[in-house]
Amino acid sequence: MERILVDTNVVLDLLGNREAFLQEAKELFTLGDKGDVNLCVSSLTMASTYYILSQQLKVAEARKVLRRFKVLVEVLSVDDKIIELALDSDFKDFEDAIQYYCAIENGVELIITRNQKDFKSSKIPVLSAREYIGMKS
């Protein structure tokens, strides 16, 4: 089964109900829920998402949202090697470098993000949720 790393911005589109991007995020995570694809997120994404949600919701509610979300994804660890690779990389955005090397080190085949330009030197395909869903239709 295809393994995909979903970037934090797409997770927040879903969990934060970001209207402009909500439908495509829902469709992507529905594919994962149906078992058509293995959706992965980095442990960094879980932490960042919690932080942002906890600014909008009560702490207990933010945790509840993440508990429900966690059943849809595989959480990939960010370890010392990934941090070293990210620090030594040419990525302008450190968080994007961590996401990229987390995908590479875990054998992920594709990255889904809304910031494709930030992954221009990627050795694996980088698509938006909309592009990916269009390929599956």
C-alpha atoms as a PDB file:
ATOM      1  CA  MET A   1       0.000   0.000   0.000  1.00  0.00           C
ATOM      2  CA  GLU A   2       1.223   3.474  -0.877  1.00  0.00           C
ATOM      3  CA  ARG A   3       2.679   5.401   2.074  1.00  0.00           C
ATOM      4  CA  ILE A   4       2.234   9.167   2.051  1.00  0.00           C
ATOM      5  CA  LEU A   5       3.565  11.802   4.439  1.00  0.00           C
ATOM      6  CA  VAL A   6       0.959  14.496   5.039  1.00  0.00           C
ATOM      7  CA  ASP A   7       2.447  17.876   5.904  1.00  0.00           C
ATOM      8  CA  THR A   8       1.237  19.852   8.903  1.00  0.00           C
ATOM      9  CA  ASN A   9      -0.611  22.436   6.806  1.00  0.00           C
ATOM     10  CA  VAL A  10      -2.917  19.769   5.328  1.00  0.00           C
ATOM     11  CA  VAL A  11      -3.580  18.270   8.764  1.00  0.00           C
ATOM     12  CA  LEU A  12      -4.521  21.735  10.015  1.00  0.00           C
ATOM     13  CA  ASP A  13      -6.780  22.224   6.991  1.00  0.00           C
ATOM     14  CA  LEU A  14      -8.780  19.246   8.225  1.00  0.00           C
ATOM     15  CA  LEU A  15      -8.648  19.684  11.989  1.00  0.00           C
ATOM     16  CA  GLY A  16      -8.865  23.469  11.921  1.00  0.00           C
ATOM     17  CA  ASN A  17     -11.731  23.434   9.420  1.00  0.00           C
ATOM     18  CA  ARG A  18      -9.892  25.767   7.057  1.00  0.00           C
ATOM     19  CA  GLU A  19     -12.736  26.389   4.655  1.00  0.00           C
ATOM     20  CA  ALA A  20     -10.687  27.066   1.504  1.00  0.00           C
ATOM     21  CA  PHE A  21      -8.921  23.690   1.775  1.00  0.00           C
ATOM     22  CA  LEU A  22     -11.255  21.613   3.923  1.00  0.00           C
ATOM     23  CA  GLN A  23     -12.933  19.554   1.197  1.00  0.00           C
ATOM     24  CA  GLU A  24      -9.715  18.277  -0.355  1.00  0.00           C
ATOM     25  CA  ALA A  25      -8.304  17.469   3.097  1.00  0.00           C
ATOM     26  CA  LYS A  26     -11.479  15.534   3.942  1.00  0.00           C
ATOM     27  CA  GLU A  27     -11.233  13.575   0.695  1.00  0.00           C
ATOM     28  CA  LEU A  28      -7.579  12.733   1.338  1.00  0.00           C
ATOM     29  CA  PHE A  29      -8.199  11.513   4.878  1.00  0.00           C
ATOM     30  CA  THR A  30     -11.252   9.561   3.712  1.00  0.00           C
ATOM     31  CA  LEU A  31      -8.929   7.606   1.394  1.00  0.00           C
ATOM     32  CA  GLY A  32      -6.815   6.770   4.425  1.00  0.00           C
ATOM     33  CA  ASP A  33      -9.851   5.873   6.525  1.00  0.00           C
ATOM     34  CA  LYS A  34     -11.039   3.472   3.815  1.00  0.00           C
ATOM     35  CA  GLY A  35      -7.610   1.815   3.727  1.00  0.00           C
ATOM     36  CA  ASP A  36      -6.822   2.924   0.168  1.00  0.00           C
ATOM     37  CA  VAL A  37      -3.581   4.570   1.281  1.00  0.00           C
ATOM     38  CA  ASN A  38      -1.380   4.647   4.397  1.00  0.00           C
ATOM     39  CA  LEU A  39      -1.288   8.251   5.583  1.00  0.00           C
ATOM     40  CA  CYS A  40       1.673   9.165   7.769  1.00  0.00           C
ATOM     41  CA  VAL A  41       2.516  12.254   9.777  1.00  0.00           C
ATOM     42  CA  SER A  42       5.685  13.106  11.622  1.00  0.00           C
ATOM     43  CA  SER A  43       5.725  13.381  15.394  1.00  0.00           C
ATOM     44  CA  LEU A  44       6.574  17.042  14.771  1.00  0.00           C
ATOM     45  CA  THR A  45       3.227  17.443  12.995  1.00  0.00           C
ATOM     46  CA  MET A  46       1.384  16.013  16.000  1.00  0.00           C
ATOM     47  CA  ALA A  47       3.141  18.454  18.347  1.00  0.00           C
ATOM     48  CA  SER A  48       2.672  21.476  16.073  1.00  0.00           C
ATOM     49  CA  THR A  49      -0.968  20.622  15.443  1.00  0.00           C
ATOM     50  CA  TYR A  50      -1.635  20.267  19.150  1.00  0.00           C
ATOM     51  CA  TYR A  51      -0.026  23.626  19.839  1.00  0.00           C
ATOM     52  CA  ILE A  52      -2.098  25.407  17.199  1.00  0.00           C
ATOM     53  CA  LEU A  53      -5.354  23.670  18.153  1.00  0.00           C
ATOM     54  CA  SER A  54      -4.777  24.440  21.843  1.00  0.00           C
ATOM     55  CA  GLN A  55      -4.705  28.146  20.948  1.00  0.00           C
ATOM     56  CA  GLN A  56      -8.201  27.793  19.455  1.00  0.00           C
ATOM     57  CA  LEU A  57      -9.751  25.149  21.717  1.00  0.00           C
ATOM     58  CA  LYS A  58      -9.576  24.141  25.344  1.00  0.00           C
ATOM     59  CA  VAL A  59      -6.621  21.839  26.056  1.00  0.00           C
ATOM     60  CA  ALA A  60      -8.853  18.827  26.729  1.00  0.00           C
ATOM     61  CA  GLU A  61     -10.728  19.385  23.462  1.00  0.00           C
ATOM     62  CA  ALA A  62      -7.480  19.736  21.475  1.00  0.00           C
ATOM     63  CA  ARG A  63      -6.287  16.400  22.896  1.00  0.00           C
ATOM     64  CA  LYS A  64      -9.631  14.786  22.104  1.00  0.00           C
ATOM     65  CA  VAL A  65      -9.391  15.972  18.486  1.00  0.00           C
ATOM     66  CA  LEU A  66      -5.850  14.574  18.186  1.00  0.00           C
ATOM     67  CA  ARG A  67      -6.871  11.228  19.717  1.00  0.00           C
ATOM     68  CA  ARG A  68      -9.617  10.855  17.105  1.00  0.00           C
ATOM     69  CA  PHE A  69      -7.254  11.973  14.342  1.00  0.00           C
ATOM     70  CA  LYS A  70      -4.481   9.568  15.375  1.00  0.00           C
ATOM     71  CA  VAL A  71      -6.527   6.520  14.317  1.00  0.00           C
ATOM     72  CA  LEU A  72      -6.332   7.778  10.710  1.00  0.00           C
ATOM     73  CA  VAL A  73      -2.548   8.054  10.503  1.00  0.00           C
ATOM     74  CA  GLU A  74       0.737   6.390  11.282  1.00  0.00           C
ATOM     75  CA  VAL A  75       2.934   8.681  13.390  1.00  0.00           C
ATOM     76  CA  LEU A  76       6.580   8.611  12.300  1.00  0.00           C
ATOM     77  CA  SER A  77       9.330   9.409  14.797  1.00  0.00           C
ATOM     78  CA  VAL A  78      11.700  12.293  14.354  1.00  0.00           C
ATOM     79  CA  ASP A  79      15.092  11.148  15.588  1.00  0.00           C
ATOM     80  CA  ASP A  80      18.641  12.428  15.859  1.00  0.00           C
ATOM     81  CA  LYS A  81      19.547  11.421  12.292  1.00  0.00           C
ATOM     82  CA  ILE A  82      16.555  13.267  10.834  1.00  0.00           C
ATOM     83  CA  ILE A  83      17.441  16.398  12.805  1.00  0.00           C
ATOM     84  CA  GLU A  84      21.082  16.192  11.634  1.00  0.00           C
ATOM     85  CA  LEU A  85      20.004  15.771   7.999  1.00  0.00           C
ATOM     86  CA  ALA A  86      17.611  18.716   8.333  1.00  0.00           C
ATOM     87  CA  LEU A  87      20.264  20.921   9.930  1.00  0.00           C
ATOM     88  CA  ASP A  88      22.738  20.108   7.156  1.00  0.00           C
ATOM     89  CA  SER A  89      20.225  20.546   4.332  1.00  0.00           C
ATOM     90  CA  ASP A  90      19.669  23.394   1.893  1.00  0.00           C
ATOM     91  CA  PHE A  91      16.030  23.782   2.975  1.00  0.00           C
ATOM     92  CA  LYS A  92      15.211  27.365   3.937  1.00  0.00           C
ATOM     93  CA  ASP A  93      12.473  26.192   6.312  1.00  0.00           C
ATOM     94  CA  PHE A  94      13.783  23.898   9.054  1.00  0.00           C
ATOM     95  CA  GLU A  95      10.346  22.381   9.699  1.00  0.00           C
ATOM     96  CA  ASP A  96      10.011  21.437   6.013  1.00  0.00           C
ATOM     97  CA  ALA A  97      13.472  19.853   6.130  1.00  0.00           C
ATOM     98  CA  ILE A  98      12.408  17.731   9.098  1.00  0.00           C
ATOM     99  CA  GLN A  99       9.241  16.654   7.263  1.00  0.00           C
ATOM    100  CA  TYR A 100      11.223  15.780   4.136  1.00  0.00           C
ATOM    101  CA  TYR A 101      13.901  13.735   5.896  1.00  0.00           C
ATOM    102  CA  CYS A 102      11.284  12.040   8.051  1.00  0.00           C
ATOM    103  CA  ALA A 103       9.625  10.907   4.802  1.00  0.00           C
ATOM    104  CA  ILE A 104      12.921   9.792   3.237  1.00  0.00           C
ATOM    105  CA  GLU A 105      14.143   7.905   6.315  1.00  0.00           C
ATOM    106  CA  ASN A 106      10.810   6.086   6.667  1.00  0.00           C
ATOM    107  CA  GLY A 107      10.487   4.981   3.048  1.00  0.00           C
ATOM    108  CA  VAL A 108       7.524   7.214   2.295  1.00  0.00           C
ATOM    109  CA  GLU A 109       6.746   7.440  -1.424  1.00  0.00           C
ATOM    110  CA  LEU A 110       5.062  10.842  -1.633  1.00  0.00           C
ATOM    111  CA  ILE A 111       4.575  14.074   0.310  1.00  0.00           C
ATOM    112  CA  ILE A 112       1.254  15.922   0.373  1.00  0.00           C
ATOM    113  CA  THR A 113       1.514  19.649   1.168  1.00  0.00           C
ATOM    114  CA  ARG A 114       0.189  23.024   0.128  1.00  0.00           C
ATOM    115  CA  ASN A 115       3.744  24.400   0.103  1.00  0.00           C
ATOM    116  CA  GLN A 116       5.190  22.473  -2.821  1.00  0.00           C
ATOM    117  CA  LYS A 117       7.687  25.225  -3.614  1.00  0.00           C
ATOM    118  CA  ASP A 118       9.360  24.550  -0.267  1.00  0.00           C
ATOM    119  CA  PHE A 119      10.176  21.002  -1.409  1.00  0.00           C
ATOM    120  CA  LYS A 120      11.548  21.873  -4.863  1.00  0.00           C
ATOM    121  CA  SER A 121      14.690  19.727  -4.446  1.00  0.00           C
ATOM    122  CA  SER A 122      12.737  16.690  -3.240  1.00  0.00           C
ATOM    123  CA  LYS A 123      13.782  13.287  -4.531  1.00  0.00           C
ATOM    124  CA  ILE A 124      10.243  11.980  -4.049  1.00  0.00           C
ATOM    125  CA  PRO A 125       7.049  13.409  -5.577  1.00  0.00           C
ATOM    126  CA  VAL A 126       5.403  16.322  -3.774  1.00  0.00           C
ATOM    127  CA  LEU A 127       1.749  17.022  -4.552  1.00  0.00           C
ATOM    128  CA  SER A 128      -1.137  19.008  -3.161  1.00  0.00           C
ATOM    129  CA  ALA A 129      -4.089  17.073  -1.752  1.00  0.00           C
ATOM    130  CA  ARG A 130      -6.151  18.227  -4.730  1.00  0.00           C
ATOM    131  CA  GLU A 131      -3.561  16.939  -7.230  1.00  0.00           C
ATOM    132  CA  TYR A 132      -3.333  13.593  -5.446  1.00  0.00           C
ATOM    133  CA  ILE A 133      -7.096  13.141  -5.286  1.00  0.00           C
ATOM    134  CA  GLY A 134      -7.307  14.031  -8.994  1.00  0.00           C
ATOM    135  CA  MET A 135      -4.854  11.223  -9.772  1.00  0.00           C
ATOM    136  CA  LYS A 136      -6.979   8.757  -7.788  1.00  0.00           C
ATOM    137  CA  SER A 137     -10.260   9.716  -9.510  1.00  0.00           C
END
